Amino acid sequence: MNRNELRKADINLMVVFETLMQERNVTRAAEKLFLGQPTISAALNRLRSLLNDPLFIRVGHRMEPTARAHEILKHLTPALDAMSTALSLTTDFDPSVSKMTFRIGLTDDVEFGLLPAMLKAIREEAPGVVIVVKHVDYLNISEVLMSGDITVGVCLTRELPANAKRKTLRNVQPRLVRADKPASPMSLDEYCSRPHVVVSHVASVSSFADEWLTALGRKRQVVLSVPQFATLPALMAGTDMISGLSDYAAKAMSALGLLYDEPLPFPTPGLDLSMTWLSVMDSDPAERWLRSRIEAFMGERQEAPALAG
């Protein structure tokens, strides 16, 4: 297509096409773009005519892209990214009057231990903005970023998309939490003999702690696995169960009087908590402001005990 033929194309249609490729469902694409389902269906018909291809074939409840659709997306995505970046450079961002909605991904321990202080500051600096939090972890962060459900995420990370950027916020030192007040630091023998609660989003009964104990020739006794940290105080109350938490979440629970926290009774490697985003968001003024707030309040210098105030 030459430059003159570009006048025939509607950029909104390209955004609809990209969303349909991500969602593979007209209803979900409509919800994501805040449009009616008939509008998306009409846009799809126009796309099929413009691109001279069916683009999607219905298979059960899903719409499977054709080979041509995959090829088009390969060229379209970087073009839309470049256009988004170019347009963002013309827009100033004033947090004091902004009504923007930011969609961020957080693990639940980050939400519990680090988000409150940041949210308090944002409410003062940008009272009109809306923060929508979606759960992420190292298993789904890439998928959630690429789908556009969030623009920035904070969690432990492994492999990321080629067009993603990552910045380490803090080195996390795991700690243990307990409901009974400790008379003295817990020994390794007591740690291994006590019943353990594991927090796992995939219903696992093991974690990093088991790998570290194996290296020491030791084992522990896991009696419960739950999908989120917030239920620990209620589940552990009146029991001798213990659990491992990130240092910021453990200290936040301790500061609020929910559980007692203390160091693990053996040396552990630190785990890097990172902020990650797609490179297309690099220059966006609003996103740069948001990332600066995340770094300021979730980075190494910010400590969870500030919640107590």
Protein backbone atom coordinates (compact mmCIF):
# COMPACT_ATOMS: atom_id res chain seq x y z
CA MET A 1 0.00 0.00 0.00
CA ASN A 2 1.49 3.37 -1.03
CA ARG A 3 1.02 6.60 0.91
CA ASN A 4 -2.01 7.65 -1.15
CA GLU A 5 -3.77 4.36 -0.38
CA LEU A 6 -3.30 5.02 3.34
CA ARG A 7 -6.10 7.57 3.05
CA LYS A 8 -8.52 4.68 2.53
CA ALA A 9 -7.55 3.12 5.86
CA ASP A 10 -9.22 4.08 9.14
CA ILE A 11 -6.82 3.90 12.10
CA ASN A 12 -9.75 2.89 14.32
CA LEU A 13 -10.21 -0.20 12.18
CA MET A 14 -6.59 -1.15 12.76
CA VAL A 15 -7.06 -0.86 16.52
CA VAL A 16 -10.16 -3.07 16.30
CA PHE A 17 -8.22 -5.62 14.25
CA GLU A 18 -5.37 -5.72 16.78
CA THR A 19 -7.85 -6.16 19.65
CA LEU A 20 -9.67 -8.96 17.83
CA MET A 21 -6.32 -10.70 17.31
CA GLN A 22 -5.69 -10.48 21.04
CA GLU A 23 -9.16 -11.49 22.25
CA ARG A 24 -10.34 -13.83 19.44
CA ASN A 25 -13.89 -12.90 20.46
CA VAL A 26 -16.15 -10.05 19.28
CA THR A 27 -17.85 -9.57 22.66
CA ARG A 28 -14.59 -9.37 24.61
CA ALA A 29 -13.07 -7.03 22.01
CA ALA A 30 -16.11 -4.77 22.33
CA GLU A 31 -15.79 -4.72 26.13
CA LYS A 32 -12.08 -3.93 25.95
CA LEU A 33 -12.62 -1.04 23.53
CA PHE A 34 -15.77 0.20 25.35
CA LEU A 35 -17.81 -0.21 22.16
CA GLY A 36 -20.99 -2.08 21.30
CA GLN A 37 -20.81 -5.55 19.79
CA PRO A 38 -22.59 -4.42 16.57
CA THR A 39 -19.91 -1.74 16.11
CA ILE A 40 -17.14 -4.35 16.30
CA SER A 41 -18.99 -6.67 13.90
CA ALA A 42 -19.42 -3.82 11.42
CA ALA A 43 -15.74 -2.92 11.76
CA LEU A 44 -14.77 -6.53 11.08
CA ASN A 45 -16.84 -6.55 7.89
CA ARG A 46 -15.08 -3.37 6.74
CA LEU A 47 -11.70 -4.89 7.59
CA ARG A 48 -12.47 -8.00 5.56
CA SER A 49 -13.36 -5.82 2.57
CA LEU A 50 -10.34 -3.53 3.00
CA LEU A 51 -7.83 -6.35 3.47
CA ASN A 52 -9.48 -8.77 1.03
CA ASP A 53 -9.39 -11.69 3.45
CA PRO A 54 -11.85 -13.34 5.89
CA LEU A 55 -9.24 -12.66 8.65
CA PHE A 56 -11.04 -14.89 11.21
CA ILE A 57 -12.67 -18.30 10.96
CA ARG A 58 -15.12 -19.29 13.70
CA VAL A 59 -14.09 -22.46 15.54
CA GLY A 60 -16.51 -23.19 18.37
CA HIS A 61 -16.68 -20.08 20.57
CA ARG A 62 -13.37 -18.72 19.28
CA MET A 63 -12.38 -16.84 16.17
CA GLU A 64 -9.17 -18.29 14.77
CA PRO A 65 -7.06 -15.89 12.66
CA THR A 66 -6.15 -16.79 9.11
CA ALA A 67 -2.53 -16.96 7.97
CA ARG A 68 -3.02 -13.58 6.30
CA ALA A 69 -4.26 -12.06 9.57
CA HIS A 70 -1.13 -13.23 11.40
CA GLU A 71 1.05 -11.73 8.67
CA ILE A 72 -0.82 -8.41 8.80
CA LEU A 73 -0.49 -8.20 12.59
CA LYS A 74 3.26 -8.73 12.33
CA HIS A 75 3.57 -5.51 10.33
CA LEU A 76 0.74 -3.60 12.00
CA THR A 77 1.78 -3.84 15.66
CA PRO A 78 5.08 -1.92 15.35
CA ALA A 79 3.32 0.68 13.21
CA LEU A 80 0.61 1.25 15.84
CA ASP A 81 3.28 1.32 18.56
CA ALA A 82 5.22 3.99 16.66
CA MET A 83 2.06 6.03 16.10
CA SER A 84 1.12 5.83 19.78
CA THR A 85 4.59 7.02 20.75
CA ALA A 86 4.47 9.90 18.25
CA LEU A 87 1.07 11.07 19.49
CA SER A 88 2.08 10.82 23.14
CA LEU A 89 4.94 13.24 22.54
CA THR A 90 2.41 15.97 21.70
CA THR A 91 0.45 15.52 24.93
CA ASP A 92 1.36 17.03 28.27
CA PHE A 93 0.29 15.34 31.47
CA ASP A 94 -0.87 17.29 34.50
CA PRO A 95 -1.64 14.86 37.34
CA SER A 96 -3.50 17.50 39.35
CA VAL A 97 -6.31 17.76 36.76
CA SER A 98 -6.07 14.39 34.99
CA LYS A 99 -9.07 12.04 34.87
CA MET A 100 -7.09 9.16 33.35
CA THR A 101 -7.56 5.51 34.26
CA PHE A 102 -4.31 3.60 34.81
CA ARG A 103 -4.29 -0.19 34.69
CA ILE A 104 -1.45 -1.75 36.63
CA GLY A 105 -0.54 -5.33 37.46
CA LEU A 106 0.55 -6.28 40.98
CA THR A 107 1.07 -9.44 42.98
CA ASP A 108 -1.17 -9.50 46.03
CA ASP A 109 1.74 -9.08 48.46
CA VAL A 110 2.81 -5.93 46.58
CA GLU A 111 -0.79 -4.73 46.69
CA PHE A 112 -0.89 -5.32 50.45
CA GLY A 113 2.60 -4.19 51.43
CA LEU A 114 3.54 -1.43 48.99
CA LEU A 115 0.44 -0.05 47.25
CA PRO A 116 -1.20 1.77 50.22
CA ALA A 117 1.59 4.33 50.64
CA MET A 118 1.71 5.01 46.90
CA LEU A 119 -2.06 5.31 46.68
CA LYS A 120 -2.13 7.83 49.52
CA ALA A 121 0.40 10.01 47.70
CA ILE A 122 -1.44 9.70 44.37
CA ARG A 123 -4.73 10.71 45.99
CA GLU A 124 -3.05 13.96 47.05
CA GLU A 125 -1.14 14.58 43.83
CA ALA A 126 -3.70 13.34 41.30
CA PRO A 127 -7.14 13.15 42.96
CA GLY A 128 -8.98 12.62 39.66
CA VAL A 129 -7.10 9.60 38.33
CA VAL A 130 -8.44 6.07 38.63
CA ILE A 131 -6.19 3.09 39.44
CA VAL A 132 -7.34 -0.36 38.32
CA VAL A 133 -5.27 -3.23 39.73
CA LYS A 134 -5.10 -6.62 38.06
CA HIS A 135 -3.41 -9.63 39.62
CA VAL A 136 -0.16 -10.66 37.94
CA ASP A 137 2.73 -12.98 38.75
CA TYR A 138 5.85 -14.21 36.99
CA LEU A 139 3.74 -16.79 35.11
CA ASN A 140 1.26 -14.42 33.44
CA ILE A 141 2.94 -11.00 33.37
CA SER A 142 4.05 -11.31 29.72
CA GLU A 143 0.59 -12.34 28.52
CA VAL A 144 -1.18 -9.57 30.47
CA LEU A 145 1.22 -6.91 29.21
CA MET A 146 0.95 -8.03 25.59
CA SER A 147 -2.85 -8.17 25.75
CA GLY A 148 -2.98 -4.53 26.81
CA ASP A 149 -4.89 -5.33 30.02
CA ILE A 150 -2.20 -3.42 31.92
CA THR A 151 0.48 -0.92 30.94
CA VAL A 152 2.91 -1.65 33.76
CA GLY A 153 3.40 -4.53 36.18
CA VAL A 154 5.29 -5.12 39.43
CA CYS A 155 6.29 -8.67 40.32
CA LEU A 156 9.10 -11.19 40.16
CA THR A 157 9.87 -11.75 36.48
CA ARG A 158 11.51 -14.36 34.30
CA GLU A 159 11.38 -14.25 30.51
CA LEU A 160 9.66 -11.19 29.04
CA PRO A 161 8.58 -10.19 25.52
CA ALA A 162 11.33 -8.75 23.32
CA ASN A 163 9.65 -5.34 23.35
CA ALA A 164 9.35 -5.22 27.16
CA LYS A 165 11.52 -3.21 29.53
CA ARG A 166 12.34 -4.13 33.10
CA LYS A 167 13.70 -2.17 36.05
CA THR A 168 14.61 -3.72 39.39
CA LEU A 169 12.84 -1.94 42.23
CA ARG A 170 14.22 -3.79 45.25
CA ASN A 171 15.96 -6.93 46.38
CA VAL A 172 13.45 -8.86 48.47
CA GLN A 173 14.61 -10.80 51.51
CA PRO A 174 12.05 -13.45 52.54
CA ARG A 175 10.86 -13.52 56.16
CA LEU A 176 8.61 -15.81 58.16
CA VAL A 177 5.33 -14.86 59.82
CA ARG A 178 3.58 -16.50 62.78
CA ALA A 179 0.52 -15.88 64.93
CA ASP A 180 2.19 -16.69 68.27
CA LYS A 181 4.53 -14.07 69.75
CA PRO A 182 8.13 -15.32 69.57
CA ALA A 183 10.09 -15.55 72.83
CA SER A 184 13.33 -15.95 70.89
CA PRO A 185 14.39 -16.26 67.23
CA MET A 186 13.19 -19.48 65.64
CA SER A 187 15.79 -22.21 65.15
CA LEU A 188 16.17 -24.21 61.97
CA ASP A 189 14.95 -27.34 63.75
CA GLU A 190 11.77 -25.61 64.92
CA TYR A 191 11.25 -24.12 61.46
CA CYS A 192 11.38 -27.56 59.86
CA SER A 193 9.12 -29.17 62.48
CA ARG A 194 6.39 -26.52 62.46
CA PRO A 195 3.39 -26.85 60.05
CA HIS A 196 3.75 -24.50 57.08
CA VAL A 197 1.30 -22.56 54.92
CA VAL A 198 2.40 -22.00 51.31
CA VAL A 199 0.95 -19.18 49.25
CA SER A 200 0.72 -20.36 45.64
CA HIS A 201 -1.33 -18.99 42.77
CA VAL A 202 -1.07 -22.36 41.00
CA ALA A 203 -2.09 -24.51 43.99
CA SER A 204 1.43 -25.83 44.58
CA VAL A 205 2.61 -27.12 47.97
CA SER A 206 6.22 -26.06 47.41
CA SER A 207 8.10 -22.80 46.95
CA PHE A 208 11.58 -21.32 46.86
CA ALA A 209 11.98 -22.26 50.54
CA ASP A 210 11.91 -25.95 49.69
CA GLU A 211 14.77 -25.50 47.22
CA TRP A 212 16.81 -23.64 49.83
CA LEU A 213 16.12 -26.29 52.48
CA THR A 214 17.05 -29.10 50.09
CA ALA A 215 20.44 -27.45 49.61
CA LEU A 216 20.87 -27.69 53.39
CA GLY A 217 19.73 -31.31 53.49
CA ARG A 218 16.52 -30.37 55.33
CA LYS A 219 12.76 -30.59 54.70
CA ARG A 220 9.67 -28.91 56.08
CA GLN A 221 6.05 -29.93 56.62
CA VAL A 222 3.51 -28.12 54.42
CA VAL A 223 -0.08 -28.57 55.61
CA LEU A 224 -1.91 -25.88 53.65
CA SER A 225 -1.66 -24.09 50.30
CA VAL A 226 -3.72 -20.94 49.64
CA PRO A 227 -3.84 -18.63 46.61
CA GLN A 228 -3.38 -15.26 48.35
CA PHE A 229 -1.49 -13.66 51.22
CA ALA A 230 -4.33 -11.58 52.63
CA THR A 231 -6.07 -14.58 54.22
CA LEU A 232 -3.02 -15.66 56.26
CA PRO A 233 -3.84 -13.73 59.48
CA ALA A 234 -7.31 -15.30 59.73
CA LEU A 235 -6.09 -18.79 58.77
CA MET A 236 -3.12 -18.79 61.13
CA ALA A 237 -4.81 -17.19 64.17
CA GLY A 238 -4.60 -19.45 67.21
CA THR A 239 -2.37 -22.01 65.46
CA ASP A 240 1.33 -22.85 65.40
CA MET A 241 1.46 -22.61 61.60
CA ILE A 242 4.10 -20.42 59.97
CA SER A 243 4.49 -19.03 56.48
CA GLY A 244 7.04 -17.25 54.33
CA LEU A 245 6.45 -13.76 52.99
CA SER A 246 8.32 -11.02 51.19
CA ASP A 247 9.94 -8.65 53.67
CA TYR A 248 7.67 -5.70 52.79
CA ALA A 249 4.45 -7.73 53.18
CA ALA A 250 5.65 -9.39 56.41
CA LYS A 251 6.60 -6.03 57.94
CA ALA A 252 3.28 -4.48 56.86
CA MET A 253 1.35 -7.29 58.55
CA SER A 254 3.48 -6.92 61.67
CA ALA A 255 3.04 -3.13 61.72
CA LEU A 256 -0.74 -3.56 61.56
CA GLY A 257 -0.65 -6.13 64.39
CA LEU A 258 -1.90 -8.98 62.20
CA LEU A 259 1.06 -11.36 62.55
CA TYR A 260 4.56 -11.42 64.01
CA ASP A 261 7.45 -11.48 61.58
CA GLU A 262 11.10 -12.46 61.92
CA PRO A 263 14.00 -13.48 59.67
CA LEU A 264 14.23 -17.01 58.32
CA PRO A 265 16.61 -19.15 60.41
CA PHE A 266 18.93 -19.82 57.47
CA PRO A 267 20.57 -17.68 54.77
CA THR A 268 18.59 -17.13 51.59
CA PRO A 269 19.33 -15.45 48.27
CA GLY A 270 17.42 -12.27 47.59
CA LEU A 271 14.71 -12.13 44.94
CA ASP A 272 14.42 -9.14 42.61
CA LEU A 273 11.09 -7.32 42.50
CA SER A 274 10.87 -5.61 39.12
CA MET A 275 8.71 -3.11 37.28
CA THR A 276 8.08 -4.00 33.65
CA TRP A 277 6.34 -2.27 30.75
CA LEU A 278 6.29 -2.35 26.95
CA SER A 279 8.77 -0.11 25.14
CA VAL A 280 5.92 1.63 23.30
CA MET A 281 4.99 3.23 26.66
CA ASP A 282 8.47 4.60 27.26
CA SER A 283 7.83 8.17 26.18
CA ASP A 284 4.19 8.54 27.19
CA PRO A 285 4.13 11.42 29.75
CA ALA A 286 1.31 9.91 31.83
CA GLU A 287 2.95 6.49 31.95
CA ARG A 288 6.32 8.02 32.83
CA TRP A 289 4.65 9.81 35.73
CA LEU A 290 3.03 6.57 36.89
CA ARG A 291 6.31 4.66 36.70
CA SER A 292 8.04 7.40 38.70
CA ARG A 293 5.41 7.02 41.43
CA ILE A 294 5.82 3.25 41.44
CA GLU A 295 9.59 3.54 41.70
CA ALA A 296 9.37 6.14 44.47
CA PHE A 297 6.98 4.15 46.66
CA MET A 298 7.75 0.55 45.75
CA GLY A 299 11.49 0.92 45.32
CA GLU A 300 14.21 0.07 47.81
CA ARG A 301 14.07 3.33 49.74
CA GLN A 302 10.37 3.05 50.60
CA GLU A 303 9.59 0.77 53.56
CA ALA A 304 6.22 -0.76 54.44
CA PRO A 305 6.18 0.38 58.14
CA ALA A 306 5.17 3.81 56.82
CA LEU A 307 1.70 2.23 56.57
CA ALA A 308 1.34 2.40 60.33
CA GLY A 309 0.98 6.17 60.13
